[in-house]
Amino acid sequence: MSYEVNGQTIETNPNGYLNNLDDWNKEVAEVIAESEGVTMSEKHWDVVNYLRDEFVNNGGNQPNDRNMVKTMGAAWGEKINSKDLYTLFPKQPSKQAGKIAGLPESRRKGGY
């Protein structure tokens, strides 16, 4: 599988996750989001940027849904729950947002 972005082919694994973290940019994220049926909003970008920051600057950490709820709630200054994240990323927030963020495919099973 691959994505076509601005005339460039971006290679992925069979599940649509980027093979190379460095291939990611905002345009690539938009193409992946569209293929996932997600329309990016400011909150979507907050989650994607948080996941990228954690992965790149925290030793490859890929937060689960529970950690995402805590961090995003604090960032947005409101109490949220996992349902709020599933509204943004209906195919499991940590995995779908991670895919849009250009991160490697997570092998863990659940969000908690």
PDB file of N, CA and C in Angstrom:
ATOM      1  N   MET A   1       0.843  -1.175   0.000  1.00  0.00           N
ATOM      2  CA  MET A   1       0.000   0.000   0.000  1.00  0.00           C
ATOM      3  C   MET A   1       0.891   1.242   0.000  1.00  0.00           C
ATOM      4  N   SER A   2       0.371   2.311  -0.522  1.00  0.00           N
ATOM      5  CA  SER A   2       1.099   3.583  -0.511  1.00  0.00           C
ATOM      6  C   SER A   2       0.096   4.726  -0.636  1.00  0.00           C
ATOM      7  N   TYR A   3       0.574   5.922  -0.357  1.00  0.00           N
ATOM      8  CA  TYR A   3      -0.218   7.136  -0.512  1.00  0.00           C
ATOM      9  C   TYR A   3       0.455   8.006  -1.564  1.00  0.00           C
ATOM     10  N   GLU A   4      -0.348   8.692  -2.356  1.00  0.00           N
ATOM     11  CA  GLU A   4       0.169   9.654  -3.321  1.00  0.00           C
ATOM     12  C   GLU A   4      -0.062  11.058  -2.758  1.00  0.00           C
ATOM     13  N   VAL A   5       1.041  11.801  -2.579  1.00  0.00           N
ATOM     14  CA  VAL A   5       0.969  13.137  -2.003  1.00  0.00           C
ATOM     15  C   VAL A   5       1.836  14.067  -2.842  1.00  0.00           C
ATOM     16  N   ASN A   6       1.198  15.051  -3.470  1.00  0.00           N
ATOM     17  CA  ASN A   6       1.916  16.029  -4.290  1.00  0.00           C
ATOM     18  C   ASN A   6       2.840  15.361  -5.311  1.00  0.00           C
ATOM     19  N   GLY A   7       2.337  14.318  -5.958  1.00  0.00           N
ATOM     20  CA  GLY A   7       3.109  13.631  -6.983  1.00  0.00           C
ATOM     21  C   GLY A   7       4.172  12.689  -6.464  1.00  0.00           C
ATOM     22  N   GLN A   8       4.249  12.520  -5.150  1.00  0.00           N
ATOM     23  CA  GLN A   8       5.246  11.649  -4.539  1.00  0.00           C
ATOM     24  C   GLN A   8       4.546  10.426  -3.958  1.00  0.00           C
ATOM     25  N   THR A   9       5.142   9.263  -4.101  1.00  0.00           N
ATOM     26  CA  THR A   9       4.598   8.041  -3.531  1.00  0.00           C
ATOM     27  C   THR A   9       5.206   7.823  -2.155  1.00  0.00           C
ATOM     28  N   ILE A  10       4.346   7.705  -1.160  1.00  0.00           N
ATOM     29  CA  ILE A  10       4.768   7.467   0.224  1.00  0.00           C
ATOM     30  C   ILE A  10       4.460   6.010   0.547  1.00  0.00           C
ATOM     31  N   GLU A  11       5.501   5.222   0.815  1.00  0.00           N
ATOM     32  CA  GLU A  11       5.346   3.790   1.061  1.00  0.00           C
ATOM     33  C   GLU A  11       4.852   3.515   2.488  1.00  0.00           C
ATOM     34  N   THR A  12       4.012   2.486   2.589  1.00  0.00           N
ATOM     35  CA  THR A  12       3.457   2.085   3.878  1.00  0.00           C
ATOM     36  C   THR A  12       3.555   0.576   4.045  1.00  0.00           C
ATOM     37  N   ASN A  13       3.234   0.119   5.251  1.00  0.00           N
ATOM     38  CA  ASN A  13       3.103  -1.318   5.454  1.00  0.00           C
ATOM     39  C   ASN A  13       1.731  -1.743   4.930  1.00  0.00           C
ATOM     40  N   PRO A  14       1.393  -3.011   4.956  1.00  0.00           N
ATOM     41  CA  PRO A  14       0.094  -3.458   4.421  1.00  0.00           C
ATOM     42  C   PRO A  14      -1.127  -2.835   5.117  1.00  0.00           C
ATOM     43  N   ASN A  15      -0.958  -2.322   6.348  1.00  0.00           N
ATOM     44  CA  ASN A  15      -2.071  -1.720   7.082  1.00  0.00           C
ATOM     45  C   ASN A  15      -2.142  -0.203   6.934  1.00  0.00           C
ATOM     46  N   GLY A  16      -1.282   0.374   6.101  1.00  0.00           N
ATOM     47  CA  GLY A  16      -1.345   1.806   5.835  1.00  0.00           C
ATOM     48  C   GLY A  16      -0.507   2.689   6.736  1.00  0.00           C
ATOM     49  N   TYR A  17       0.345   2.098   7.581  1.00  0.00           N
ATOM     50  CA  TYR A  17       1.238   2.877   8.440  1.00  0.00           C
ATOM     51  C   TYR A  17       2.523   3.180   7.670  1.00  0.00           C
ATOM     52  N   LEU A  18       3.024   4.391   7.812  1.00  0.00           N
ATOM     53  CA  LEU A  18       4.221   4.796   7.073  1.00  0.00           C
ATOM     54  C   LEU A  18       5.409   3.898   7.401  1.00  0.00           C
ATOM     55  N   ASN A  19       6.186   3.570   6.381  1.00  0.00           N
ATOM     56  CA  ASN A  19       7.423   2.812   6.588  1.00  0.00           C
ATOM     57  C   ASN A  19       8.521   3.694   7.158  1.00  0.00           C
ATOM     58  N   ASN A  20       8.480   4.982   6.825  1.00  0.00           N
ATOM     59  CA  ASN A  20       9.536   5.902   7.218  1.00  0.00           C
ATOM     60  C   ASN A  20       8.918   7.116   7.917  1.00  0.00           C
ATOM     61  N   LEU A  21       9.232   7.284   9.181  1.00  0.00           N
ATOM     62  CA  LEU A  21       8.717   8.398   9.979  1.00  0.00           C
ATOM     63  C   LEU A  21       9.019   9.745   9.326  1.00  0.00           C
ATOM     64  N   ASP A  22      10.158   9.841   8.637  1.00  0.00           N
ATOM     65  CA  ASP A  22      10.573  11.100   8.021  1.00  0.00           C
ATOM     66  C   ASP A  22       9.765  11.466   6.774  1.00  0.00           C
ATOM     67  N   ASP A  23       8.947  10.548   6.270  1.00  0.00           N
ATOM     68  CA  ASP A  23       8.085  10.853   5.118  1.00  0.00           C
ATOM     69  C   ASP A  23       6.871  11.689   5.512  1.00  0.00           C
ATOM     70  N   TRP A  24       6.648  11.847   6.815  1.00  0.00           N
ATOM     71  CA  TRP A  24       5.442  12.510   7.306  1.00  0.00           C
ATOM     72  C   TRP A  24       5.555  14.023   7.211  1.00  0.00           C
ATOM     73  N   ASN A  25       4.466  14.650   6.830  1.00  0.00           N
ATOM     74  CA  ASN A  25       4.281  16.095   6.944  1.00  0.00           C
ATOM     75  C   ASN A  25       2.769  16.336   6.997  1.00  0.00           C
ATOM     76  N   LYS A  26       2.380  17.577   7.097  1.00  0.00           N
ATOM     77  CA  LYS A  26       0.959  17.895   7.249  1.00  0.00           C
ATOM     78  C   LYS A  26       0.133  17.411   6.057  1.00  0.00           C
ATOM     79  N   GLU A  27       0.681  17.543   4.850  1.00  0.00           N
ATOM     80  CA  GLU A  27      -0.051  17.090   3.658  1.00  0.00           C
ATOM     81  C   GLU A  27      -0.241  15.578   3.666  1.00  0.00           C
ATOM     82  N   VAL A  28       0.797  14.848   4.095  1.00  0.00           N
ATOM     83  CA  VAL A  28       0.692  13.385   4.204  1.00  0.00           C
ATOM     84  C   VAL A  28      -0.382  13.029   5.237  1.00  0.00           C
ATOM     85  N   ALA A  29      -0.371  13.735   6.360  1.00  0.00           N
ATOM     86  CA  ALA A  29      -1.373  13.482   7.408  1.00  0.00           C
ATOM     87  C   ALA A  29      -2.789  13.695   6.880  1.00  0.00           C
ATOM     88  N   GLU A  30      -2.975  14.750   6.100  1.00  0.00           N
ATOM     89  CA  GLU A  30      -4.302  15.030   5.532  1.00  0.00           C
ATOM     90  C   GLU A  30      -4.758  13.908   4.603  1.00  0.00           C
ATOM     91  N   VAL A  31      -3.832  13.368   3.801  1.00  0.00           N
ATOM     92  CA  VAL A  31      -4.171  12.278   2.882  1.00  0.00           C
ATOM     93  C   VAL A  31      -4.524  11.014   3.668  1.00  0.00           C
ATOM     94  N   ILE A  32      -3.740  10.713   4.697  1.00  0.00           N
ATOM     95  CA  ILE A  32      -4.032   9.536   5.525  1.00  0.00           C
ATOM     96  C   ILE A  32      -5.373   9.717   6.218  1.00  0.00           C
ATOM     97  N   ALA A  33      -5.612  10.902   6.786  1.00  0.00           N
ATOM     98  CA  ALA A  33      -6.883  11.169   7.477  1.00  0.00           C
ATOM     99  C   ALA A  33      -8.058  10.986   6.526  1.00  0.00           C
ATOM    100  N   GLU A  34      -7.930  11.506   5.322  1.00  0.00           N
ATOM    101  CA  GLU A  34      -9.005  11.364   4.345  1.00  0.00           C
ATOM    102  C   GLU A  34      -9.267   9.892   4.044  1.00  0.00           C
ATOM    103  N   SER A  35      -8.203   9.106   3.912  1.00  0.00           N
ATOM    104  CA  SER A  35      -8.382   7.678   3.638  1.00  0.00           C
ATOM    105  C   SER A  35      -9.029   6.957   4.820  1.00  0.00           C
ATOM    106  N   GLU A  36      -8.894   7.526   6.008  1.00  0.00           N
ATOM    107  CA  GLU A  36      -9.486   6.964   7.220  1.00  0.00           C
ATOM    108  C   GLU A  36     -10.890   7.514   7.488  1.00  0.00           C
ATOM    109  N   GLY A  37     -11.336   8.451   6.668  1.00  0.00           N
ATOM    110  CA  GLY A  37     -12.653   9.051   6.869  1.00  0.00           C
ATOM    111  C   GLY A  37     -12.684  10.080   7.974  1.00  0.00           C
ATOM    112  N   VAL A  38     -11.539  10.683   8.272  1.00  0.00           N
ATOM    113  CA  VAL A  38     -11.419  11.677   9.343  1.00  0.00           C
ATOM    114  C   VAL A  38     -11.182  13.048   8.732  1.00  0.00           C
ATOM    115  N   THR A  39     -11.980  14.030   9.134  1.00  0.00           N
ATOM    116  CA  THR A  39     -11.781  15.420   8.731  1.00  0.00           C
ATOM    117  C   THR A  39     -11.062  16.128   9.877  1.00  0.00           C
ATOM    118  N   MET A  40      -9.866  16.597   9.606  1.00  0.00           N
ATOM    119  CA  MET A  40      -9.022  17.146  10.657  1.00  0.00           C
ATOM    120  C   MET A  40      -9.511  18.507  11.150  1.00  0.00           C
ATOM    121  N   SER A  41      -9.604  18.619  12.479  1.00  0.00           N
ATOM    122  CA  SER A  41      -9.940  19.870  13.152  1.00  0.00           C
ATOM    123  C   SER A  41      -8.765  20.229  14.064  1.00  0.00           C
ATOM    124  N   GLU A  42      -8.883  21.341  14.764  1.00  0.00           N
ATOM    125  CA  GLU A  42      -7.822  21.746  15.683  1.00  0.00           C
ATOM    126  C   GLU A  42      -7.567  20.665  16.743  1.00  0.00           C
ATOM    127  N   LYS A  43      -8.634  20.057  17.257  1.00  0.00           N
ATOM    128  CA  LYS A  43      -8.473  19.007  18.272  1.00  0.00           C
ATOM    129  C   LYS A  43      -7.802  17.767  17.686  1.00  0.00           C
ATOM    130  N   HIS A  44      -8.136  17.428  16.455  1.00  0.00           N
ATOM    131  CA  HIS A  44      -7.458  16.307  15.797  1.00  0.00           C
ATOM    132  C   HIS A  44      -5.949  16.584  15.737  1.00  0.00           C
ATOM    133  N   TRP A  45      -5.589  17.794  15.312  1.00  0.00           N
ATOM    134  CA  TRP A  45      -4.173  18.151  15.207  1.00  0.00           C
ATOM    135  C   TRP A  45      -3.492  18.152  16.570  1.00  0.00           C
ATOM    136  N   ASP A  46      -4.215  18.570  17.618  1.00  0.00           N
ATOM    137  CA  ASP A  46      -3.644  18.526  18.967  1.00  0.00           C
ATOM    138  C   ASP A  46      -3.242  17.096  19.325  1.00  0.00           C
ATOM    139  N   VAL A  47      -4.126  16.148  19.049  1.00  0.00           N
ATOM    140  CA  VAL A  47      -3.848  14.741  19.364  1.00  0.00           C
ATOM    141  C   VAL A  47      -2.684  14.230  18.517  1.00  0.00           C
ATOM    142  N   VAL A  48      -2.728  14.480  17.220  1.00  0.00           N
ATOM    143  CA  VAL A  48      -1.671  14.013  16.320  1.00  0.00           C
ATOM    144  C   VAL A  48      -0.319  14.602  16.728  1.00  0.00           C
ATOM    145  N   ASN A  49      -0.273  15.885  17.004  1.00  0.00           N
ATOM    146  CA  ASN A  49       0.989  16.521  17.394  1.00  0.00           C
ATOM    147  C   ASN A  49       1.497  15.990  18.736  1.00  0.00           C
ATOM    148  N   TYR A  50       0.578  15.731  19.668  1.00  0.00           N
ATOM    149  CA  TYR A  50       0.958  15.133  20.953  1.00  0.00           C
ATOM    150  C   TYR A  50       1.585  13.758  20.740  1.00  0.00           C
ATOM    151  N   LEU A  51       0.950  12.923  19.919  1.00  0.00           N
ATOM    152  CA  LEU A  51       1.478  11.580  19.686  1.00  0.00           C
ATOM    153  C   LEU A  51       2.852  11.631  19.012  1.00  0.00           C
ATOM    154  N   ARG A  52       3.008  12.523  18.038  1.00  0.00           N
ATOM    155  CA  ARG A  52       4.315  12.651  17.378  1.00  0.00           C
ATOM    156  C   ARG A  52       5.382  13.124  18.365  1.00  0.00           C
ATOM    157  N   ASP A  53       5.034  14.100  19.195  1.00  0.00           N
ATOM    158  CA  ASP A  53       5.985  14.610  20.179  1.00  0.00           C
ATOM    159  C   ASP A  53       6.401  13.505  21.145  1.00  0.00           C
ATOM    160  N   GLU A  54       5.453  12.736  21.628  1.00  0.00           N
ATOM    161  CA  GLU A  54       5.765  11.637  22.553  1.00  0.00           C
ATOM    162  C   GLU A  54       6.677  10.609  21.890  1.00  0.00           C
ATOM    163  N   PHE A  55       6.388  10.256  20.661  1.00  0.00           N
ATOM    164  CA  PHE A  55       7.187   9.247  19.972  1.00  0.00           C
ATOM    165  C   PHE A  55       8.600   9.747  19.690  1.00  0.00           C
ATOM    166  N   VAL A  56       8.708  10.936  19.140  1.00  0.00           N
ATOM    167  CA  VAL A  56      10.003  11.468  18.725  1.00  0.00           C
ATOM    168  C   VAL A  56      10.850  11.890  19.923  1.00  0.00           C
ATOM    169  N   ASN A  57      10.235  12.522  20.919  1.00  0.00           N
ATOM    170  CA  ASN A  57      10.996  13.113  22.024  1.00  0.00           C
ATOM    171  C   ASN A  57      10.957  12.331  23.329  1.00  0.00           C
ATOM    172  N   ASN A  58      10.294  11.172  23.331  1.00  0.00           N
ATOM    173  CA  ASN A  58      10.175  10.405  24.562  1.00  0.00           C
ATOM    174  C   ASN A  58      10.468   8.925  24.303  1.00  0.00           C
ATOM    175  N   GLY A  59      11.503   8.670  23.547  1.00  0.00           N
ATOM    176  CA  GLY A  59      11.997   7.312  23.364  1.00  0.00           C
ATOM    177  C   GLY A  59      11.058   6.352  22.664  1.00  0.00           C
ATOM    178  N   GLY A  60      10.274   6.836  21.715  1.00  0.00           N
ATOM    179  CA  GLY A  60       9.376   5.945  20.981  1.00  0.00           C
ATOM    180  C   GLY A  60       8.097   5.623  21.716  1.00  0.00           C
ATOM    181  N   ASN A  61       7.762   6.408  22.730  1.00  0.00           N
ATOM    182  CA  ASN A  61       6.527   6.183  23.495  1.00  0.00           C
ATOM    183  C   ASN A  61       5.297   6.383  22.610  1.00  0.00           C
ATOM    184  N   GLN A  62       4.368   5.440  22.687  1.00  0.00           N
ATOM    185  CA  GLN A  62       3.088   5.559  21.993  1.00  0.00           C
ATOM    186  C   GLN A  62       1.993   5.445  23.044  1.00  0.00           C
ATOM    187  N   PRO A  63       1.498   6.597  23.544  1.00  0.00           N
ATOM    188  CA  PRO A  63       0.511   6.591  24.619  1.00  0.00           C
ATOM    189  C   PRO A  63      -0.753   5.808  24.247  1.00  0.00           C
ATOM    190  N   ASN A  64      -1.306   5.142  25.263  1.00  0.00           N
ATOM    191  CA  ASN A  64      -2.572   4.447  25.046  1.00  0.00           C
ATOM    192  C   ASN A  64      -3.720   5.436  25.213  1.00  0.00           C
ATOM    193  N   ASP A  65      -4.938   4.966  24.967  1.00  0.00           N
ATOM    194  CA  ASP A  65      -6.114   5.842  25.029  1.00  0.00           C
ATOM    195  C   ASP A  65      -6.263   6.509  26.391  1.00  0.00           C
ATOM    196  N   ARG A  66      -5.995   5.770  27.447  1.00  0.00           N
ATOM    197  CA  ARG A  66      -6.146   6.323  28.799  1.00  0.00           C
ATOM    198  C   ARG A  66      -5.221   7.520  29.010  1.00  0.00           C
ATOM    199  N   ASN A  67      -3.960   7.374  28.627  1.00  0.00           N
ATOM    200  CA  ASN A  67      -3.013   8.494  28.759  1.00  0.00           C
ATOM    201  C   ASN A  67      -3.398   9.657  27.859  1.00  0.00           C
ATOM    202  N   MET A  68      -3.929   9.341  26.696  1.00  0.00           N
ATOM    203  CA  MET A  68      -4.369  10.391  25.774  1.00  0.00           C
ATOM    204  C   MET A  68      -5.515  11.192  26.386  1.00  0.00           C
ATOM    205  N   VAL A  69      -6.454  10.516  27.048  1.00  0.00           N
ATOM    206  CA  VAL A  69      -7.584  11.207  27.693  1.00  0.00           C
ATOM    207  C   VAL A  69      -7.053  12.185  28.740  1.00  0.00           C
ATOM    208  N   LYS A  70      -6.136  11.729  29.571  1.00  0.00           N
ATOM    209  CA  LYS A  70      -5.584  12.591  30.628  1.00  0.00           C
ATOM    210  C   LYS A  70      -4.858  13.805  30.037  1.00  0.00           C
ATOM    211  N   THR A  71      -3.993  13.560  29.081  1.00  0.00           N
ATOM    212  CA  THR A  71      -3.189  14.635  28.517  1.00  0.00           C
ATOM    213  C   THR A  71      -4.028  15.622  27.716  1.00  0.00           C
ATOM    214  N   MET A  72      -4.928  15.123  26.885  1.00  0.00           N
ATOM    215  CA  MET A  72      -5.743  16.019  26.059  1.00  0.00           C
ATOM    216  C   MET A  72      -6.736  16.801  26.913  1.00  0.00           C
ATOM    217  N   GLY A  73      -7.274  16.174  27.941  1.00  0.00           N
ATOM    218  CA  GLY A  73      -8.163  16.897  28.843  1.00  0.00           C
ATOM    219  C   GLY A  73      -7.455  18.069  29.492  1.00  0.00           C
ATOM    220  N   ALA A  74      -6.211  17.826  29.933  1.00  0.00           N
ATOM    221  CA  ALA A  74      -5.425  18.904  30.537  1.00  0.00           C
ATOM    222  C   ALA A  74      -5.092  19.981  29.498  1.00  0.00           C
ATOM    223  N   ALA A  75      -4.720  19.555  28.300  1.00  0.00           N
ATOM    224  CA  ALA A  75      -4.359  20.513  27.252  1.00  0.00           C
ATOM    225  C   ALA A  75      -5.548  21.380  26.843  1.00  0.00           C
ATOM    226  N   TRP A  76      -6.730  20.772  26.805  1.00  0.00           N
ATOM    227  CA  TRP A  76      -7.929  21.492  26.373  1.00  0.00           C
ATOM    228  C   TRP A  76      -8.640  22.190  27.534  1.00  0.00           C
ATOM    229  N   GLY A  77      -8.177  21.945  28.759  1.00  0.00           N
ATOM    230  CA  GLY A  77      -8.778  22.589  29.919  1.00  0.00           C
ATOM    231  C   GLY A  77     -10.201  22.147  30.198  1.00  0.00           C
ATOM    232  N   GLU A  78     -10.478  20.873  29.905  1.00  0.00           N
ATOM    233  CA  GLU A  78     -11.820  20.338  30.153  1.00  0.00           C
ATOM    234  C   GLU A  78     -11.720  18.867  30.514  1.00  0.00           C
ATOM    235  N   LYS A  79     -12.736  18.374  31.181  1.00  0.00           N
ATOM    236  CA  LYS A  79     -12.774  16.955  31.521  1.00  0.00           C
ATOM    237  C   LYS A  79     -13.321  16.202  30.318  1.00  0.00           C
ATOM    238  N   ILE A  80     -12.524  15.254  29.820  1.00  0.00           N
ATOM    239  CA  ILE A  80     -12.974  14.449  28.694  1.00  0.00           C
ATOM    240  C   ILE A  80     -12.900  12.979  29.075  1.00  0.00           C
ATOM    241  N   ASN A  81     -13.486  12.140  28.251  1.00  0.00           N
ATOM    242  CA  ASN A  81     -13.394  10.698  28.451  1.00  0.00           C
ATOM    243  C   ASN A  81     -13.046  10.046  27.117  1.00  0.00           C
ATOM    244  N   SER A  82     -12.934   8.743  27.135  1.00  0.00           N
ATOM    245  CA  SER A  82     -12.519   8.046  25.913  1.00  0.00           C
ATOM    246  C   SER A  82     -13.532   8.234  24.788  1.00  0.00           C
ATOM    247  N   LYS A  83     -14.806   8.418  25.131  1.00  0.00           N
ATOM    248  CA  LYS A  83     -15.824   8.640  24.100  1.00  0.00           C
ATOM    249  C   LYS A  83     -15.504   9.886  23.276  1.00  0.00           C
ATOM    250  N   ASP A  84     -14.984  10.920  23.931  1.00  0.00           N
ATOM    251  CA  ASP A  84     -14.615  12.151  23.220  1.00  0.00           C
ATOM    252  C   ASP A  84     -13.515  11.881  22.197  1.00  0.00           C
ATOM    253  N   LEU A  85     -12.543  11.047  22.561  1.00  0.00           N
ATOM    254  CA  LEU A  85     -11.486  10.710  21.607  1.00  0.00           C
ATOM    255  C   LEU A  85     -12.013   9.819  20.492  1.00  0.00           C
ATOM    256  N   TYR A  86     -12.944   8.903  20.827  1.00  0.00           N
ATOM    257  CA  TYR A  86     -13.532   8.042  19.793  1.00  0.00           C
ATOM    258  C   TYR A  86     -14.394   8.847  18.826  1.00  0.00           C
ATOM    259  N   THR A  87     -14.918   9.972  19.273  1.00  0.00           N
ATOM    260  CA  THR A  87     -15.656  10.855  18.368  1.00  0.00           C
ATOM    261  C   THR A  87     -14.694  11.434  17.320  1.00  0.00           C
ATOM    262  N   LEU A  88     -13.476  11.745  17.746  1.00  0.00           N
ATOM    263  CA  LEU A  88     -12.469  12.280  16.823  1.00  0.00           C
ATOM    264  C   LEU A  88     -11.872  11.182  15.937  1.00  0.00           C
ATOM    265  N   PHE A  89     -11.573  10.044  16.561  1.00  0.00           N
ATOM    266  CA  PHE A  89     -10.912   8.933  15.859  1.00  0.00           C
ATOM    267  C   PHE A  89     -11.679   7.640  16.138  1.00  0.00           C
ATOM    268  N   PRO A  90     -12.731   7.370  15.365  1.00  0.00           N
ATOM    269  CA  PRO A  90     -13.639   6.256  15.669  1.00  0.00           C
ATOM    270  C   PRO A  90     -13.042   4.853  15.558  1.00  0.00           C
ATOM    271  N   LYS A  91     -11.902   4.700  14.912  1.00  0.00           N
ATOM    272  CA  LYS A  91     -11.312   3.366  14.754  1.00  0.00           C
ATOM    273  C   LYS A  91     -10.217   3.106  15.787  1.00  0.00           C
ATOM    274  N   GLN A  92     -10.418   3.499  16.998  1.00  0.00           N
ATOM    275  CA  GLN A  92      -9.538   3.438  18.158  1.00  0.00           C
ATOM    276  C   GLN A  92      -8.523   4.572  18.115  1.00  0.00           C
ATOM    277  N   PRO A  93      -8.696   5.530  18.996  1.00  0.00           N
ATOM    278  CA  PRO A  93      -7.894   6.755  18.971  1.00  0.00           C
ATOM    279  C   PRO A  93      -6.382   6.565  18.923  1.00  0.00           C
ATOM    280  N   SER A  94      -5.825   5.743  19.790  1.00  0.00           N
ATOM    281  CA  SER A  94      -4.364   5.636  19.812  1.00  0.00           C
ATOM    282  C   SER A  94      -3.817   5.072  18.506  1.00  0.00           C
ATOM    283  N   LYS A  95      -4.534   4.154  17.905  1.00  0.00           N
ATOM    284  CA  LYS A  95      -4.049   3.543  16.667  1.00  0.00           C
ATOM    285  C   LYS A  95      -4.362   4.401  15.447  1.00  0.00           C
ATOM    286  N   GLN A  96      -5.585   4.887  15.330  1.00  0.00           N
ATOM    287  CA  GLN A  96      -5.948   5.682  14.151  1.00  0.00           C
ATOM    288  C   GLN A  96      -5.210   7.020  14.153  1.00  0.00           C
ATOM    289  N   ALA A  97      -5.145   7.678  15.291  1.00  0.00           N
ATOM    290  CA  ALA A  97      -4.413   8.945  15.368  1.00  0.00           C
ATOM    291  C   ALA A  97      -2.925   8.707  15.147  1.00  0.00           C
ATOM    292  N   GLY A  98      -2.413   7.592  15.639  1.00  0.00           N
ATOM    293  CA  GLY A  98      -1.014   7.239  15.410  1.00  0.00           C
ATOM    294  C   GLY A  98      -0.708   7.036  13.940  1.00  0.00           C
ATOM    295  N   LYS A  99      -1.649   6.426  13.232  1.00  0.00           N
ATOM    296  CA  LYS A  99      -1.464   6.228  11.787  1.00  0.00           C
ATOM    297  C   LYS A  99      -1.411   7.577  11.083  1.00  0.00           C
ATOM    298  N   ILE A 100      -2.343   8.463  11.425  1.00  0.00           N
ATOM    299  CA  ILE A 100      -2.370   9.799  10.815  1.00  0.00           C
ATOM    300  C   ILE A 100      -1.107  10.577  11.188  1.00  0.00           C
ATOM    301  N   ALA A 101      -0.578  10.326  12.385  1.00  0.00           N
ATOM    302  CA  ALA A 101       0.639  10.988  12.845  1.00  0.00           C
ATOM    303  C   ALA A 101       1.903  10.424  12.200  1.00  0.00           C
ATOM    304  N   GLY A 102       1.748   9.366  11.403  1.00  0.00           N
ATOM    305  CA  GLY A 102       2.896   8.790  10.714  1.00  0.00           C
ATOM    306  C   GLY A 102       3.751   7.888  11.573  1.00  0.00           C
ATOM    307  N   LEU A 103       3.206   7.431  12.704  1.00  0.00           N
ATOM    308  CA  LEU A 103       3.963   6.589  13.621  1.00  0.00           C
ATOM    309  C   LEU A 103       3.913   5.123  13.198  1.00  0.00           C
ATOM    310  N   PRO A 104       4.869   4.319  13.679  1.00  0.00           N
ATOM    311  CA  PRO A 104       4.817   2.891  13.387  1.00  0.00           C
ATOM    312  C   PRO A 104       3.554   2.263  13.979  1.00  0.00           C
ATOM    313  N   GLU A 105       3.134   1.162  13.402  1.00  0.00           N
ATOM    314  CA  GLU A 105       1.939   0.468  13.879  1.00  0.00           C
ATOM    315  C   GLU A 105       2.171  -0.059  15.290  1.00  0.00           C
ATOM    316  N   SER A 106       1.244   0.250  16.194  1.00  0.00           N
ATOM    317  CA  SER A 106       1.306  -0.215  17.570  1.00  0.00           C
ATOM    318  C   SER A 106       0.817  -1.659  17.623  1.00  0.00           C
ATOM    319  N   ARG A 107       1.474  -2.468  18.425  1.00  0.00           N
ATOM    320  CA  ARG A 107       1.098  -3.886  18.535  1.00  0.00           C
ATOM    321  C   ARG A 107       0.298  -4.198  19.799  1.00  0.00           C
ATOM    322  N   ARG A 108       0.053  -3.178  20.635  1.00  0.00           N
ATOM    323  CA  ARG A 108      -0.679  -3.466  21.864  1.00  0.00           C
ATOM    324  C   ARG A 108      -2.158  -3.703  21.534  1.00  0.00           C
ATOM    325  N   LYS A 109      -2.844  -4.369  22.452  1.00  0.00           N
ATOM    326  CA  LYS A 109      -4.218  -4.775  22.173  1.00  0.00           C
ATOM    327  C   LYS A 109      -5.235  -3.708  22.527  1.00  0.00           C
ATOM    328  N   GLY A 110      -5.268  -3.249  23.741  1.00  0.00           N
ATOM    329  CA  GLY A 110      -6.339  -2.350  24.157  1.00  0.00           C
ATOM    330  C   GLY A 110      -5.877  -0.952  24.454  1.00  0.00           C
ATOM    331  N   GLY A 111      -6.843  -0.103  24.724  1.00  0.00           N
ATOM    332  CA  GLY A 111      -6.546   1.287  25.050  1.00  0.00           C
ATOM    333  C   GLY A 111      -6.199   1.480  26.504  1.00  0.00           C
ATOM    334  N   TYR A 112      -6.508   0.510  27.334  1.00  0.00           N
ATOM    335  CA  TYR A 112      -6.221   0.612  28.751  1.00  0.00           C
ATOM    336  C   TYR A 112      -5.314  -0.516  29.149  1.00  0.00           C
TER     337      TYR A 112
END
